[in-house]
């Protein structure tokens, strides 16, 4: 049976040989990496949406006829 390993500073460690505390730290690191990836994904979506709505606003404003002032 192949044991799961983790690479830390170019050294492979079997996860089963880590202490409970070390396994907890590893779980925290993995969870934070996953959350960071999800947040980057969401940030990309938000940035594209913001750009699209900004473009729509500009086109809407520039597409309206200018009001003429009476002198």
C-alpha atoms as a PDB file:
ATOM      1  CA  UNK A   1       0.000   0.000   0.000  1.00  0.00           C
ATOM      2  CA  UNK A   2       1.328   3.416  -0.975  1.00  0.00           C
ATOM      3  CA  UNK A   3       1.456   5.921   1.880  1.00  0.00           C
ATOM      4  CA  UNK A   4       0.482   9.516   1.208  1.00  0.00           C
ATOM      5  CA  UNK A   5       3.472  11.841   1.388  1.00  0.00           C
ATOM      6  CA  UNK A   6       4.031  15.545   1.685  1.00  0.00           C
ATOM      7  CA  UNK A   7       7.046  17.417   0.321  1.00  0.00           C
ATOM      8  CA  UNK A   8       8.496  20.036   2.646  1.00  0.00           C
ATOM      9  CA  UNK A   9      11.681  21.859   1.609  1.00  0.00           C
ATOM     10  CA  UNK A  10      12.420  19.191  -1.030  1.00  0.00           C
ATOM     11  CA  UNK A  11      12.111  16.336   1.481  1.00  0.00           C
ATOM     12  CA  UNK A  12       9.293  13.757   1.225  1.00  0.00           C
ATOM     13  CA  UNK A  13       7.578  12.828   4.497  1.00  0.00           C
ATOM     14  CA  UNK A  14       4.973  10.095   4.937  1.00  0.00           C
ATOM     15  CA  UNK A  15       1.864  11.800   6.306  1.00  0.00           C
ATOM     16  CA  UNK A  16       1.235   8.835   8.614  1.00  0.00           C
ATOM     17  CA  UNK A  17       4.573   9.528  10.326  1.00  0.00           C
ATOM     18  CA  UNK A  18       3.723  13.149  11.090  1.00  0.00           C
ATOM     19  CA  UNK A  19       2.520  14.010  14.568  1.00  0.00           C
ATOM     20  CA  UNK A  20      -1.128  14.907  15.095  1.00  0.00           C
ATOM     21  CA  UNK A  21      -0.102  18.543  15.373  1.00  0.00           C
ATOM     22  CA  UNK A  22       1.867  18.378  12.108  1.00  0.00           C
ATOM     23  CA  UNK A  23      -1.054  16.694  10.348  1.00  0.00           C
ATOM     24  CA  UNK A  24      -3.305  19.485  11.664  1.00  0.00           C
ATOM     25  CA  UNK A  25      -0.926  22.112  10.291  1.00  0.00           C
ATOM     26  CA  UNK A  26      -0.853  20.275   6.950  1.00  0.00           C
ATOM     27  CA  UNK A  27      -4.656  20.206   6.850  1.00  0.00           C
ATOM     28  CA  UNK A  28      -4.727  23.950   7.572  1.00  0.00           C
ATOM     29  CA  UNK A  29      -2.222  24.671   4.784  1.00  0.00           C
ATOM     30  CA  UNK A  30      -4.172  22.537   2.299  1.00  0.00           C
ATOM     31  CA  UNK A  31      -7.466  24.172   3.269  1.00  0.00           C
ATOM     32  CA  UNK A  32      -5.984  27.665   2.944  1.00  0.00           C
ATOM     33  CA  UNK A  33      -4.535  26.833  -0.485  1.00  0.00           C
ATOM     34  CA  UNK A  34      -7.950  25.609  -1.624  1.00  0.00           C
ATOM     35  CA  UNK A  35      -9.669  28.725  -0.277  1.00  0.00           C
ATOM     36  CA  UNK A  36      -7.072  30.961  -1.915  1.00  0.00           C
ATOM     37  CA  UNK A  37      -7.700  29.271  -5.256  1.00  0.00           C
ATOM     38  CA  UNK A  38     -11.457  29.669  -4.867  1.00  0.00           C
ATOM     39  CA  UNK A  39     -11.067  33.349  -3.986  1.00  0.00           C
ATOM     40  CA  UNK A  40      -8.834  33.949  -7.026  1.00  0.00           C
ATOM     41  CA  UNK A  41     -11.504  32.297  -9.177  1.00  0.00           C
ATOM     42  CA  UNK A  42     -14.200  34.527  -7.664  1.00  0.00           C
ATOM     43  CA  UNK A  43     -12.003  37.617  -7.988  1.00  0.00           C
ATOM     44  CA  UNK A  44     -11.534  36.890 -11.705  1.00  0.00           C
ATOM     45  CA  UNK A  45     -15.320  36.646 -12.095  1.00  0.00           C
ATOM     46  CA  UNK A  46     -15.855  39.906 -10.216  1.00  0.00           C
ATOM     47  CA  UNK A  47     -13.165  41.753 -12.157  1.00  0.00           C
ATOM     48  CA  UNK A  48     -14.635  40.698 -15.510  1.00  0.00           C
ATOM     49  CA  UNK A  49     -18.142  41.615 -14.349  1.00  0.00           C
ATOM     50  CA  UNK A  50     -16.978  45.028 -13.150  1.00  0.00           C
ATOM     51  CA  UNK A  51     -15.262  45.675 -16.487  1.00  0.00           C
ATOM     52  CA  UNK A  52     -18.383  44.643 -18.386  1.00  0.00           C
ATOM     53  CA  UNK A  53     -20.713  46.856 -16.339  1.00  0.00           C
ATOM     54  CA  UNK A  54     -18.278  49.778 -16.623  1.00  0.00           C
ATOM     55  CA  UNK A  55     -18.255  49.326 -20.399  1.00  0.00           C
ATOM     56  CA  UNK A  56     -22.051  49.192 -20.458  1.00  0.00           C
ATOM     57  CA  UNK A  57     -22.249  52.389 -18.376  1.00  0.00           C
ATOM     58  CA  UNK A  58     -19.828  54.234 -20.654  1.00  0.00           C
ATOM     59  CA  UNK A  59     -21.675  53.103 -23.774  1.00  0.00           C
ATOM     60  CA  UNK A  60     -24.982  54.114 -22.207  1.00  0.00           C
ATOM     61  CA  UNK A  61     -23.756  57.575 -21.242  1.00  0.00           C
ATOM     62  CA  UNK A  62     -21.874  58.261 -24.453  1.00  0.00           C
ATOM     63  CA  UNK A  63     -24.750  56.962 -26.551  1.00  0.00           C
ATOM     64  CA  UNK A  64     -27.204  59.506 -25.139  1.00  0.00           C
ATOM     65  CA  UNK A  65     -27.598  62.747 -27.093  1.00  0.00           C
ATOM     66  CA  UNK A  66     -25.974  65.703 -25.417  1.00  0.00           C
ATOM     67  CA  UNK A  67     -28.314  68.211 -23.817  1.00  0.00           C
ATOM     68  CA  UNK A  68     -28.240  71.584 -25.501  1.00  0.00           C
ATOM     69  CA  UNK A  69     -27.984  74.634 -23.303  1.00  0.00           C
ATOM     70  CA  UNK A  70     -29.963  77.754 -24.025  1.00  0.00           C
ATOM     71  CA  UNK A  71     -27.829  80.893 -24.127  1.00  0.00           C
END
